[in-house]
Amino acid sequence: MKKILIVVMIIFSASLYSNKANAQLEQGSIIIEGYYGYSLTNAWWTAVFDIMDDEVATKSIGPLGLRFEYLISDIVGVGLDINYRGFEASYNYPDFNNTVQNVSWNITQTRIMGRMNFHFVKEESFNAYAGYGIGYKISSMTLTTTDASVSDDDVDLSSFNIPIAFRVSTGVRYFFTENIGVHVEVGIGGGSLANGGLSFKL
């Protein structure tokens, strides 16, 4: 998350020295955004496995996402938000025969959500909005192991497979040319606590 914010701040600071861009959003504007976010869920899983055993190897990705927005009026925009996140934990241990066994958990989630944004600040280069989204979540949790005594039955997926995705968020965009800018968004649900990236106005 720190790396994301540092990159966005550097781009934003550099843009202050450039000519002011007239990229004000209006009815008919189209915005496409790519972003990378900070997942509280991934951070929580990492902390849990670190507490359980410091020899558990963990790695995560995302949320990595793509957003599309079309302004149906000067204030309201509708669109689509798609993102992916993954988490993996792997552990080696000796069994009763002193044979090294491995067990790995792999978790992935893909969210596809319809979005509606309300733009409450619209300047020439700066834009602030509140966003709401709801849609479908595709979840997968797999367990692979070399230990015949461990199986998928040991993993409870009942609460993990809820297929509904939602998000409530607020964000800002700054355009340093008429068509290219950066954005930062914070919110609840939808895969990320915070995300940031590039914005393209068509």
N, C-alpha and C. Protein backbone atom coordinates (compact mmCIF):
# COMPACT_ATOMS: atom_id res chain seq x y z
N MET A 1 0.83 -1.20 0.00
CA MET A 1 0.00 0.00 0.00
C MET A 1 0.87 1.25 0.00
N LYS A 2 1.97 1.24 0.78
CA LYS A 2 2.86 2.40 0.84
C LYS A 2 3.44 2.71 -0.53
N LYS A 3 3.82 1.65 -1.28
CA LYS A 3 4.39 1.86 -2.60
C LYS A 3 3.39 2.52 -3.53
N ILE A 4 2.12 2.09 -3.44
CA ILE A 4 1.08 2.68 -4.29
C ILE A 4 0.94 4.16 -4.00
N LEU A 5 0.83 4.51 -2.71
CA LEU A 5 0.63 5.89 -2.33
C LEU A 5 1.84 6.75 -2.70
N ILE A 6 3.06 6.20 -2.55
CA ILE A 6 4.27 6.95 -2.90
C ILE A 6 4.29 7.27 -4.39
N VAL A 7 3.98 6.28 -5.23
CA VAL A 7 3.95 6.49 -6.68
C VAL A 7 2.93 7.55 -7.05
N VAL A 8 1.71 7.43 -6.47
CA VAL A 8 0.67 8.40 -6.78
C VAL A 8 1.07 9.80 -6.33
N MET A 9 1.70 9.92 -5.16
CA MET A 9 2.10 11.23 -4.65
C MET A 9 3.19 11.84 -5.51
N ILE A 10 4.12 11.01 -6.01
CA ILE A 10 5.19 11.52 -6.87
C ILE A 10 4.60 12.07 -8.17
N ILE A 11 3.69 11.30 -8.78
CA ILE A 11 3.06 11.75 -10.02
C ILE A 11 2.26 13.02 -9.78
N PHE A 12 1.52 13.04 -8.66
CA PHE A 12 0.71 14.20 -8.32
C PHE A 12 1.58 15.43 -8.10
N SER A 13 2.69 15.28 -7.38
CA SER A 13 3.58 16.40 -7.10
C SER A 13 4.20 16.93 -8.39
N ALA A 14 4.60 16.00 -9.25
CA ALA A 14 5.20 16.43 -10.52
C ALA A 14 4.20 17.18 -11.38
N SER A 15 2.95 16.77 -11.29
CA SER A 15 1.92 17.40 -12.11
C SER A 15 1.68 18.85 -11.71
N LEU A 16 1.99 19.21 -10.48
CA LEU A 16 1.77 20.57 -10.02
C LEU A 16 2.65 21.57 -10.78
N TYR A 17 3.75 21.07 -11.35
CA TYR A 17 4.67 21.93 -12.07
C TYR A 17 4.34 22.00 -13.57
N SER A 18 3.35 21.21 -13.99
CA SER A 18 2.98 21.20 -15.39
C SER A 18 1.87 22.22 -15.63
N ASN A 19 1.56 22.51 -16.89
CA ASN A 19 0.46 23.41 -17.20
C ASN A 19 -0.85 22.82 -16.75
N LYS A 20 -1.73 23.68 -16.28
CA LYS A 20 -3.03 23.22 -15.77
C LYS A 20 -3.85 22.66 -16.92
N ALA A 21 -4.35 21.45 -16.77
CA ALA A 21 -5.08 20.79 -17.84
C ALA A 21 -6.58 21.00 -17.67
N ASN A 22 -7.27 21.20 -18.79
CA ASN A 22 -8.71 21.32 -18.76
C ASN A 22 -9.30 19.95 -19.04
N ALA A 23 -9.49 19.16 -17.99
CA ALA A 23 -10.01 17.79 -18.14
C ALA A 23 -11.31 17.63 -17.36
N GLN A 24 -12.08 18.71 -17.26
CA GLN A 24 -13.31 18.67 -16.48
C GLN A 24 -14.27 17.64 -17.05
N LEU A 25 -14.86 16.85 -16.15
CA LEU A 25 -15.79 15.81 -16.57
C LEU A 25 -17.16 16.42 -16.82
N GLU A 26 -17.86 15.84 -17.81
CA GLU A 26 -19.19 16.31 -18.16
C GLU A 26 -19.97 15.14 -18.75
N GLN A 27 -21.26 15.38 -18.98
CA GLN A 27 -22.09 14.33 -19.56
C GLN A 27 -21.46 13.81 -20.86
N GLY A 28 -21.37 12.47 -20.95
CA GLY A 28 -20.76 11.85 -22.12
C GLY A 28 -19.29 11.49 -21.95
N SER A 29 -18.67 11.99 -20.88
CA SER A 29 -17.26 11.64 -20.64
C SER A 29 -17.12 10.16 -20.32
N ILE A 30 -16.02 9.57 -20.76
CA ILE A 30 -15.71 8.16 -20.49
C ILE A 30 -14.36 8.11 -19.78
N ILE A 31 -14.32 7.37 -18.66
CA ILE A 31 -13.08 7.22 -17.89
C ILE A 31 -12.75 5.74 -17.77
N ILE A 32 -11.52 5.38 -18.09
CA ILE A 32 -11.02 4.02 -17.91
C ILE A 32 -9.85 4.09 -16.93
N GLU A 33 -9.88 3.22 -15.91
CA GLU A 33 -8.85 3.25 -14.86
C GLU A 33 -8.30 1.86 -14.59
N GLY A 34 -7.00 1.79 -14.44
CA GLY A 34 -6.34 0.60 -13.95
C GLY A 34 -5.80 0.88 -12.56
N TYR A 35 -5.90 -0.10 -11.66
CA TYR A 35 -5.47 0.18 -10.29
C TYR A 35 -4.92 -1.06 -9.61
N TYR A 36 -4.17 -0.80 -8.54
CA TYR A 36 -3.69 -1.84 -7.63
C TYR A 36 -4.03 -1.41 -6.22
N GLY A 37 -4.48 -2.36 -5.39
CA GLY A 37 -4.98 -1.98 -4.08
C GLY A 37 -4.37 -2.73 -2.92
N TYR A 38 -4.77 -2.30 -1.74
CA TYR A 38 -4.37 -2.92 -0.48
C TYR A 38 -5.56 -3.70 0.05
N SER A 39 -5.38 -5.01 0.26
CA SER A 39 -6.45 -5.88 0.75
C SER A 39 -6.29 -6.13 2.24
N LEU A 40 -7.29 -5.73 3.01
CA LEU A 40 -7.27 -6.00 4.44
C LEU A 40 -7.38 -7.51 4.70
N THR A 41 -8.10 -8.22 3.84
CA THR A 41 -8.24 -9.66 3.98
C THR A 41 -6.91 -10.37 3.79
N ASN A 42 -6.17 -9.98 2.74
CA ASN A 42 -4.84 -10.57 2.53
C ASN A 42 -3.91 -10.28 3.70
N ALA A 43 -3.97 -9.06 4.22
CA ALA A 43 -3.13 -8.70 5.36
C ALA A 43 -3.51 -9.52 6.60
N TRP A 44 -4.79 -9.73 6.78
CA TRP A 44 -5.26 -10.51 7.94
C TRP A 44 -4.81 -11.96 7.85
N TRP A 45 -4.95 -12.57 6.66
CA TRP A 45 -4.50 -13.96 6.48
C TRP A 45 -3.00 -14.08 6.71
N THR A 46 -2.24 -13.12 6.21
CA THR A 46 -0.78 -13.14 6.41
C THR A 46 -0.44 -13.09 7.89
N ALA A 47 -1.12 -12.21 8.63
CA ALA A 47 -0.87 -12.09 10.07
C ALA A 47 -1.25 -13.36 10.82
N VAL A 48 -2.37 -13.99 10.43
CA VAL A 48 -2.81 -15.23 11.08
C VAL A 48 -1.78 -16.33 10.91
N PHE A 49 -1.30 -16.52 9.69
CA PHE A 49 -0.32 -17.58 9.45
C PHE A 49 1.02 -17.28 10.10
N ASP A 50 1.39 -16.00 10.19
CA ASP A 50 2.63 -15.63 10.88
C ASP A 50 2.54 -15.96 12.37
N ILE A 51 1.35 -15.76 12.95
CA ILE A 51 1.16 -16.08 14.36
C ILE A 51 1.18 -17.60 14.59
N MET A 52 0.54 -18.33 13.66
CA MET A 52 0.48 -19.78 13.78
C MET A 52 1.86 -20.42 13.72
N ASP A 53 2.67 -19.96 12.76
CA ASP A 53 4.01 -20.53 12.59
C ASP A 53 4.80 -19.61 11.68
N ASP A 54 5.97 -19.15 12.12
CA ASP A 54 6.76 -18.23 11.31
C ASP A 54 7.43 -18.92 10.12
N GLU A 55 7.28 -20.25 10.01
CA GLU A 55 7.86 -20.97 8.88
C GLU A 55 6.85 -21.14 7.74
N VAL A 56 5.64 -20.65 7.93
CA VAL A 56 4.66 -20.68 6.85
C VAL A 56 5.00 -19.59 5.84
N ALA A 57 5.16 -19.99 4.57
CA ALA A 57 5.47 -19.02 3.51
C ALA A 57 4.17 -18.51 2.91
N THR A 58 4.01 -17.20 2.86
CA THR A 58 2.80 -16.61 2.32
C THR A 58 3.15 -15.64 1.19
N LYS A 59 2.23 -15.52 0.25
CA LYS A 59 2.37 -14.51 -0.80
C LYS A 59 0.97 -14.12 -1.26
N SER A 60 0.85 -12.89 -1.74
CA SER A 60 -0.47 -12.41 -2.15
C SER A 60 -0.33 -11.48 -3.34
N ILE A 61 -1.44 -11.29 -4.04
CA ILE A 61 -1.49 -10.36 -5.16
C ILE A 61 -2.82 -9.62 -5.10
N GLY A 62 -2.76 -8.35 -5.40
CA GLY A 62 -3.96 -7.56 -5.54
C GLY A 62 -4.56 -7.05 -4.24
N PRO A 63 -5.73 -6.47 -4.48
CA PRO A 63 -6.56 -6.50 -5.67
C PRO A 63 -5.96 -5.72 -6.85
N LEU A 64 -6.04 -6.36 -8.01
CA LEU A 64 -5.63 -5.77 -9.27
C LEU A 64 -6.90 -5.56 -10.09
N GLY A 65 -7.16 -4.33 -10.52
CA GLY A 65 -8.47 -4.10 -11.11
C GLY A 65 -8.50 -3.15 -12.30
N LEU A 66 -9.68 -3.12 -12.91
CA LEU A 66 -9.96 -2.26 -14.05
C LEU A 66 -11.37 -1.68 -13.87
N ARG A 67 -11.49 -0.37 -14.02
CA ARG A 67 -12.78 0.30 -13.90
C ARG A 67 -13.12 1.07 -15.17
N PHE A 68 -14.41 1.07 -15.47
CA PHE A 68 -14.93 1.82 -16.61
C PHE A 68 -16.10 2.66 -16.13
N GLU A 69 -16.15 3.94 -16.53
CA GLU A 69 -17.25 4.81 -16.12
C GLU A 69 -17.71 5.67 -17.28
N TYR A 70 -19.02 5.81 -17.40
CA TYR A 70 -19.63 6.68 -18.41
C TYR A 70 -20.56 7.65 -17.70
N LEU A 71 -20.37 8.96 -17.90
CA LEU A 71 -21.19 9.96 -17.23
C LEU A 71 -22.51 10.15 -17.98
N ILE A 72 -23.61 9.75 -17.33
CA ILE A 72 -24.93 9.90 -17.95
C ILE A 72 -25.49 11.30 -17.71
N SER A 73 -24.84 12.05 -16.82
CA SER A 73 -25.14 13.48 -16.61
C SER A 73 -23.86 14.13 -16.15
N ASP A 74 -23.89 15.42 -15.86
CA ASP A 74 -22.70 16.10 -15.39
C ASP A 74 -22.29 15.65 -13.99
N ILE A 75 -23.20 15.01 -13.27
CA ILE A 75 -22.96 14.62 -11.88
C ILE A 75 -22.86 13.12 -11.69
N VAL A 76 -23.65 12.34 -12.43
CA VAL A 76 -23.79 10.89 -12.20
C VAL A 76 -23.09 10.10 -13.30
N GLY A 77 -22.30 9.11 -12.86
CA GLY A 77 -21.65 8.20 -13.78
C GLY A 77 -21.98 6.75 -13.46
N VAL A 78 -22.11 5.92 -14.47
CA VAL A 78 -22.36 4.49 -14.27
C VAL A 78 -21.26 3.72 -14.98
N GLY A 79 -21.01 2.50 -14.48
CA GLY A 79 -19.94 1.74 -15.11
C GLY A 79 -19.76 0.36 -14.52
N LEU A 80 -18.54 -0.14 -14.66
CA LEU A 80 -18.20 -1.50 -14.28
C LEU A 80 -16.87 -1.50 -13.55
N ASP A 81 -16.77 -2.35 -12.51
CA ASP A 81 -15.54 -2.49 -11.73
C ASP A 81 -15.21 -3.98 -11.65
N ILE A 82 -14.06 -4.38 -12.17
CA ILE A 82 -13.62 -5.78 -12.16
C ILE A 82 -12.28 -5.86 -11.45
N ASN A 83 -12.17 -6.73 -10.45
CA ASN A 83 -10.88 -6.87 -9.79
C ASN A 83 -10.62 -8.31 -9.36
N TYR A 84 -9.35 -8.59 -9.14
CA TYR A 84 -8.88 -9.94 -8.79
C TYR A 84 -7.90 -9.84 -7.62
N ARG A 85 -8.01 -10.75 -6.68
CA ARG A 85 -7.01 -10.86 -5.62
C ARG A 85 -6.72 -12.33 -5.36
N GLY A 86 -5.50 -12.61 -4.92
CA GLY A 86 -5.10 -13.98 -4.62
C GLY A 86 -4.23 -14.05 -3.39
N PHE A 87 -4.29 -15.19 -2.72
CA PHE A 87 -3.47 -15.40 -1.52
C PHE A 87 -3.07 -16.87 -1.48
N GLU A 88 -1.80 -17.11 -1.08
CA GLU A 88 -1.32 -18.49 -0.97
C GLU A 88 -0.46 -18.65 0.27
N ALA A 89 -0.66 -19.75 0.96
CA ALA A 89 0.17 -20.11 2.13
C ALA A 89 0.67 -21.53 1.95
N SER A 90 1.94 -21.74 2.23
CA SER A 90 2.56 -23.05 2.04
C SER A 90 3.41 -23.40 3.26
N TYR A 91 3.34 -24.69 3.65
CA TYR A 91 4.03 -25.11 4.87
C TYR A 91 4.62 -26.50 4.69
N ASN A 92 5.89 -26.65 5.03
CA ASN A 92 6.56 -27.96 5.03
C ASN A 92 6.71 -28.45 6.47
N TYR A 93 6.43 -29.74 6.69
CA TYR A 93 6.52 -30.30 8.05
C TYR A 93 6.85 -31.80 7.96
N PRO A 94 7.46 -32.36 8.98
CA PRO A 94 7.75 -33.80 9.00
C PRO A 94 6.54 -34.58 9.53
N ASP A 95 6.24 -35.73 8.90
CA ASP A 95 5.15 -36.56 9.40
C ASP A 95 5.71 -37.54 10.45
N PHE A 96 4.88 -38.53 10.82
CA PHE A 96 5.29 -39.48 11.86
C PHE A 96 6.48 -40.33 11.43
N ASN A 97 6.67 -40.47 10.12
CA ASN A 97 7.81 -41.24 9.60
C ASN A 97 9.02 -40.35 9.30
N ASN A 98 8.91 -39.10 9.74
CA ASN A 98 9.96 -38.11 9.54
C ASN A 98 10.18 -37.79 8.06
N THR A 99 9.12 -37.97 7.28
CA THR A 99 9.13 -37.60 5.86
C THR A 99 8.57 -36.18 5.72
N VAL A 100 9.26 -35.34 4.97
CA VAL A 100 8.81 -33.96 4.82
C VAL A 100 7.58 -33.92 3.92
N GLN A 101 6.51 -33.35 4.45
CA GLN A 101 5.26 -33.18 3.71
C GLN A 101 5.01 -31.69 3.47
N ASN A 102 4.20 -31.42 2.46
CA ASN A 102 3.85 -30.03 2.15
C ASN A 102 2.34 -29.89 2.06
N VAL A 103 1.83 -28.78 2.58
CA VAL A 103 0.42 -28.45 2.43
C VAL A 103 0.34 -26.98 2.00
N SER A 104 -0.51 -26.71 1.01
CA SER A 104 -0.64 -25.35 0.48
C SER A 104 -2.11 -24.99 0.34
N TRP A 105 -2.44 -23.76 0.75
CA TRP A 105 -3.78 -23.22 0.55
C TRP A 105 -3.68 -22.12 -0.50
N ASN A 106 -4.59 -22.14 -1.46
CA ASN A 106 -4.62 -21.10 -2.50
C ASN A 106 -6.03 -20.53 -2.56
N ILE A 107 -6.12 -19.21 -2.38
CA ILE A 107 -7.40 -18.52 -2.38
C ILE A 107 -7.40 -17.48 -3.48
N THR A 108 -8.45 -17.47 -4.32
CA THR A 108 -8.61 -16.43 -5.34
C THR A 108 -10.04 -15.91 -5.30
N GLN A 109 -10.19 -14.64 -5.61
CA GLN A 109 -11.51 -14.03 -5.71
C GLN A 109 -11.53 -13.04 -6.87
N THR A 110 -12.57 -13.16 -7.69
CA THR A 110 -12.79 -12.22 -8.78
C THR A 110 -14.14 -11.56 -8.57
N ARG A 111 -14.16 -10.24 -8.59
CA ARG A 111 -15.41 -9.50 -8.40
C ARG A 111 -15.75 -8.73 -9.67
N ILE A 112 -17.02 -8.79 -10.04
CA ILE A 112 -17.55 -8.05 -11.19
C ILE A 112 -18.74 -7.25 -10.68
N MET A 113 -18.59 -5.93 -10.62
CA MET A 113 -19.62 -5.09 -9.99
C MET A 113 -20.06 -3.95 -10.91
N GLY A 114 -21.36 -3.72 -10.93
CA GLY A 114 -21.87 -2.50 -11.54
C GLY A 114 -21.61 -1.34 -10.60
N ARG A 115 -21.28 -0.17 -11.14
CA ARG A 115 -20.91 0.99 -10.32
C ARG A 115 -21.80 2.19 -10.65
N MET A 116 -22.01 3.02 -9.62
CA MET A 116 -22.61 4.34 -9.81
C MET A 116 -21.82 5.34 -8.96
N ASN A 117 -21.33 6.38 -9.61
CA ASN A 117 -20.56 7.42 -8.94
C ASN A 117 -21.30 8.75 -8.96
N PHE A 118 -21.21 9.47 -7.84
CA PHE A 118 -21.79 10.81 -7.75
C PHE A 118 -20.64 11.80 -7.56
N HIS A 119 -20.45 12.67 -8.54
CA HIS A 119 -19.31 13.58 -8.57
C HIS A 119 -19.70 14.89 -7.87
N PHE A 120 -19.18 15.09 -6.65
CA PHE A 120 -19.56 16.25 -5.87
C PHE A 120 -18.54 17.39 -5.95
N VAL A 121 -17.36 17.13 -6.54
CA VAL A 121 -16.39 18.19 -6.83
C VAL A 121 -15.91 17.99 -8.26
N LYS A 122 -16.05 19.04 -9.09
CA LYS A 122 -15.61 18.95 -10.48
C LYS A 122 -14.93 20.26 -10.86
N GLU A 123 -13.62 20.24 -10.82
CA GLU A 123 -12.82 21.38 -11.26
C GLU A 123 -12.19 21.03 -12.60
N GLU A 124 -11.36 21.96 -13.13
CA GLU A 124 -10.76 21.71 -14.43
C GLU A 124 -9.90 20.45 -14.44
N SER A 125 -9.15 20.24 -13.36
CA SER A 125 -8.23 19.09 -13.33
C SER A 125 -8.50 18.14 -12.18
N PHE A 126 -9.34 18.55 -11.24
CA PHE A 126 -9.56 17.78 -10.03
C PHE A 126 -11.01 17.31 -9.95
N ASN A 127 -11.19 16.07 -9.50
CA ASN A 127 -12.53 15.48 -9.42
C ASN A 127 -12.62 14.64 -8.15
N ALA A 128 -13.70 14.79 -7.39
CA ALA A 128 -13.95 13.96 -6.22
C ALA A 128 -15.34 13.35 -6.34
N TYR A 129 -15.48 12.12 -5.87
CA TYR A 129 -16.74 11.40 -6.05
C TYR A 129 -17.00 10.44 -4.90
N ALA A 130 -18.26 10.06 -4.77
CA ALA A 130 -18.67 8.95 -3.90
C ALA A 130 -19.22 7.85 -4.80
N GLY A 131 -18.82 6.61 -4.53
CA GLY A 131 -19.21 5.51 -5.40
C GLY A 131 -19.88 4.37 -4.66
N TYR A 132 -20.77 3.68 -5.37
CA TYR A 132 -21.49 2.54 -4.83
C TYR A 132 -21.49 1.44 -5.89
N GLY A 133 -21.26 0.21 -5.45
CA GLY A 133 -21.23 -0.89 -6.40
C GLY A 133 -21.79 -2.16 -5.83
N ILE A 134 -22.39 -2.98 -6.68
CA ILE A 134 -22.88 -4.29 -6.27
C ILE A 134 -22.78 -5.23 -7.47
N GLY A 135 -22.48 -6.50 -7.18
CA GLY A 135 -22.33 -7.44 -8.28
C GLY A 135 -22.06 -8.85 -7.78
N TYR A 136 -21.25 -9.57 -8.56
CA TYR A 136 -21.04 -11.00 -8.36
C TYR A 136 -19.60 -11.27 -7.97
N LYS A 137 -19.41 -12.19 -7.03
CA LYS A 137 -18.07 -12.58 -6.58
C LYS A 137 -17.85 -14.06 -6.87
N ILE A 138 -16.75 -14.37 -7.56
CA ILE A 138 -16.36 -15.75 -7.86
C ILE A 138 -15.20 -16.10 -6.94
N SER A 139 -15.39 -17.09 -6.08
CA SER A 139 -14.37 -17.46 -5.10
C SER A 139 -13.88 -18.88 -5.33
N SER A 140 -12.62 -19.08 -5.03
CA SER A 140 -12.03 -20.41 -5.14
C SER A 140 -11.02 -20.60 -4.02
N MET A 141 -11.15 -21.72 -3.30
CA MET A 141 -10.17 -22.08 -2.29
C MET A 141 -9.78 -23.53 -2.51
N THR A 142 -8.49 -23.76 -2.74
CA THR A 142 -8.02 -25.11 -2.99
C THR A 142 -6.92 -25.48 -2.00
N LEU A 143 -6.88 -26.73 -1.66
CA LEU A 143 -5.84 -27.25 -0.77
C LEU A 143 -5.12 -28.36 -1.51
N THR A 144 -3.80 -28.23 -1.60
CA THR A 144 -2.97 -29.27 -2.21
C THR A 144 -1.94 -29.73 -1.19
N THR A 145 -1.73 -31.04 -1.13
CA THR A 145 -0.82 -31.58 -0.12
C THR A 145 -0.22 -32.90 -0.57
N THR A 146 0.93 -33.19 -0.03
CA THR A 146 1.56 -34.49 -0.25
C THR A 146 1.20 -35.47 0.86
N ASP A 147 0.45 -34.97 1.86
CA ASP A 147 0.08 -35.78 3.02
C ASP A 147 -1.29 -36.42 2.78
N ALA A 148 -1.32 -37.75 2.69
CA ALA A 148 -2.56 -38.45 2.40
C ALA A 148 -3.59 -38.33 3.52
N SER A 149 -3.18 -37.92 4.70
CA SER A 149 -4.11 -37.80 5.83
C SER A 149 -4.86 -36.47 5.83
N VAL A 150 -4.51 -35.57 4.90
CA VAL A 150 -5.15 -34.26 4.83
C VAL A 150 -5.96 -34.19 3.53
N SER A 151 -7.17 -33.63 3.61
CA SER A 151 -8.03 -33.53 2.43
C SER A 151 -8.79 -32.22 2.44
N ASP A 152 -9.51 -31.95 1.35
CA ASP A 152 -10.32 -30.74 1.24
C ASP A 152 -11.44 -30.71 2.27
N ASP A 153 -11.81 -31.88 2.80
CA ASP A 153 -12.87 -31.92 3.81
C ASP A 153 -12.47 -31.19 5.09
N ASP A 154 -11.16 -30.93 5.24
CA ASP A 154 -10.68 -30.23 6.43
C ASP A 154 -10.86 -28.71 6.32
N VAL A 155 -11.35 -28.23 5.15
CA VAL A 155 -11.52 -26.80 4.91
C VAL A 155 -13.00 -26.49 4.80
N ASP A 156 -13.49 -25.57 5.63
CA ASP A 156 -14.89 -25.16 5.62
C ASP A 156 -15.05 -23.96 4.68
N LEU A 157 -15.79 -24.16 3.58
CA LEU A 157 -15.96 -23.12 2.58
C LEU A 157 -17.33 -22.44 2.65
N SER A 158 -18.15 -22.78 3.64
CA SER A 158 -19.53 -22.31 3.68
C SER A 158 -19.64 -20.80 3.71
N SER A 159 -18.79 -20.12 4.51
CA SER A 159 -18.87 -18.66 4.60
C SER A 159 -18.03 -17.98 3.52
N PHE A 160 -17.12 -18.71 2.91
CA PHE A 160 -16.21 -18.13 1.93
C PHE A 160 -16.88 -17.96 0.57
N ASN A 161 -17.83 -18.83 0.24
CA ASN A 161 -18.41 -18.87 -1.09
C ASN A 161 -19.64 -18.00 -1.28
N ILE A 162 -19.87 -17.00 -0.43
CA ILE A 162 -20.98 -16.08 -0.63
C ILE A 162 -20.73 -15.32 -1.94
N PRO A 163 -21.65 -15.41 -2.91
CA PRO A 163 -21.35 -14.89 -4.26
C PRO A 163 -21.64 -13.41 -4.46
N ILE A 164 -21.97 -12.67 -3.43
CA ILE A 164 -22.35 -11.27 -3.57
C ILE A 164 -21.14 -10.37 -3.31
N ALA A 165 -20.93 -9.40 -4.18
CA ALA A 165 -19.88 -8.40 -4.00
C ALA A 165 -20.54 -7.02 -3.90
N PHE A 166 -20.03 -6.20 -3.00
CA PHE A 166 -20.54 -4.83 -2.88
C PHE A 166 -19.39 -3.90 -2.50
N ARG A 167 -19.59 -2.61 -2.73
CA ARG A 167 -18.56 -1.64 -2.37
C ARG A 167 -19.20 -0.26 -2.14
N VAL A 168 -18.74 0.41 -1.10
CA VAL A 168 -19.06 1.81 -0.83
C VAL A 168 -17.73 2.54 -0.74
N SER A 169 -17.57 3.61 -1.51
CA SER A 169 -16.23 4.21 -1.61
C SER A 169 -16.31 5.70 -1.87
N THR A 170 -15.17 6.34 -1.70
CA THR A 170 -15.00 7.73 -2.12
C THR A 170 -13.60 7.86 -2.71
N GLY A 171 -13.47 8.74 -3.69
CA GLY A 171 -12.18 8.83 -4.35
C GLY A 171 -11.94 10.18 -4.96
N VAL A 172 -10.69 10.41 -5.37
CA VAL A 172 -10.30 11.65 -6.04
C VAL A 172 -9.48 11.32 -7.28
N ARG A 173 -9.59 12.20 -8.27
CA ARG A 173 -8.79 12.10 -9.49
C ARG A 173 -8.13 13.44 -9.76
N TYR A 174 -6.90 13.37 -10.26
CA TYR A 174 -6.21 14.58 -10.69
C TYR A 174 -5.65 14.32 -12.09
N PHE A 175 -6.05 15.16 -13.06
CA PHE A 175 -5.59 15.03 -14.43
C PHE A 175 -4.49 16.05 -14.69
N PHE A 176 -3.30 15.56 -15.10
CA PHE A 176 -2.21 16.47 -15.41
C PHE A 176 -2.08 16.73 -16.91
N THR A 177 -2.91 16.05 -17.73
CA THR A 177 -3.14 16.45 -19.11
C THR A 177 -4.66 16.38 -19.31
N GLU A 178 -5.12 16.68 -20.50
CA GLU A 178 -6.56 16.63 -20.75
C GLU A 178 -7.09 15.21 -20.69
N ASN A 179 -6.23 14.21 -20.85
CA ASN A 179 -6.70 12.83 -20.95
C ASN A 179 -6.06 11.86 -19.97
N ILE A 180 -5.01 12.24 -19.27
CA ILE A 180 -4.28 11.31 -18.41
C ILE A 180 -4.17 11.88 -17.00
N GLY A 181 -4.46 11.05 -16.02
CA GLY A 181 -4.36 11.48 -14.64
C GLY A 181 -4.10 10.32 -13.71
N VAL A 182 -4.22 10.60 -12.41
CA VAL A 182 -4.05 9.57 -11.38
C VAL A 182 -5.27 9.62 -10.46
N HIS A 183 -5.47 8.55 -9.72
CA HIS A 183 -6.60 8.50 -8.80
C HIS A 183 -6.23 7.71 -7.55
N VAL A 184 -6.92 8.02 -6.46
CA VAL A 184 -6.84 7.27 -5.21
C VAL A 184 -8.26 7.08 -4.71
N GLU A 185 -8.57 5.86 -4.27
CA GLU A 185 -9.90 5.57 -3.76
C GLU A 185 -9.80 4.76 -2.47
N VAL A 186 -10.64 5.07 -1.50
CA VAL A 186 -10.75 4.28 -0.27
C VAL A 186 -12.19 3.83 -0.13
N GLY A 187 -12.39 2.66 0.49
CA GLY A 187 -13.76 2.17 0.61
C GLY A 187 -13.86 0.92 1.45
N ILE A 188 -15.10 0.45 1.56
CA ILE A 188 -15.43 -0.76 2.30
C ILE A 188 -16.01 -1.77 1.32
N GLY A 189 -15.50 -3.02 1.39
CA GLY A 189 -15.97 -4.06 0.49
C GLY A 189 -15.33 -3.95 -0.88
N GLY A 190 -15.68 -4.88 -1.74
CA GLY A 190 -15.24 -4.81 -3.13
C GLY A 190 -13.80 -5.16 -3.38
N GLY A 191 -13.09 -5.72 -2.37
CA GLY A 191 -11.75 -6.21 -2.60
C GLY A 191 -10.63 -5.41 -2.00
N SER A 192 -10.77 -4.09 -1.84
CA SER A 192 -9.64 -3.30 -1.35
C SER A 192 -10.08 -2.23 -0.35
N LEU A 193 -9.22 -2.02 0.64
CA LEU A 193 -9.43 -0.92 1.58
C LEU A 193 -9.05 0.40 0.90
N ALA A 194 -8.00 0.36 0.08
CA ALA A 194 -7.55 1.52 -0.68
C ALA A 194 -6.92 1.05 -1.98
N ASN A 195 -7.06 1.85 -3.01
CA ASN A 195 -6.40 1.52 -4.27
C ASN A 195 -6.06 2.81 -5.01
N GLY A 196 -5.15 2.67 -5.95
CA GLY A 196 -4.74 3.82 -6.73
C GLY A 196 -4.14 3.39 -8.05
N GLY A 197 -4.10 4.34 -9.00
CA GLY A 197 -3.54 4.00 -10.31
C GLY A 197 -3.73 5.13 -11.30
N LEU A 198 -3.77 4.77 -12.57
CA LEU A 198 -3.88 5.74 -13.66
C LEU A 198 -5.32 5.87 -14.14
N SER A 199 -5.67 7.08 -14.56
CA SER A 199 -6.99 7.37 -15.11
C SER A 199 -6.83 7.91 -16.54
N PHE A 200 -7.67 7.42 -17.44
CA PHE A 200 -7.65 7.87 -18.83
C PHE A 200 -9.03 8.38 -19.22
N LYS A 201 -9.12 9.61 -19.66
CA LYS A 201 -10.39 10.21 -20.07
C LYS A 201 -10.47 10.19 -21.59
N LEU A 202 -11.56 9.60 -22.10
CA LEU A 202 -11.75 9.51 -23.54
C LEU A 202 -12.74 10.58 -24.02
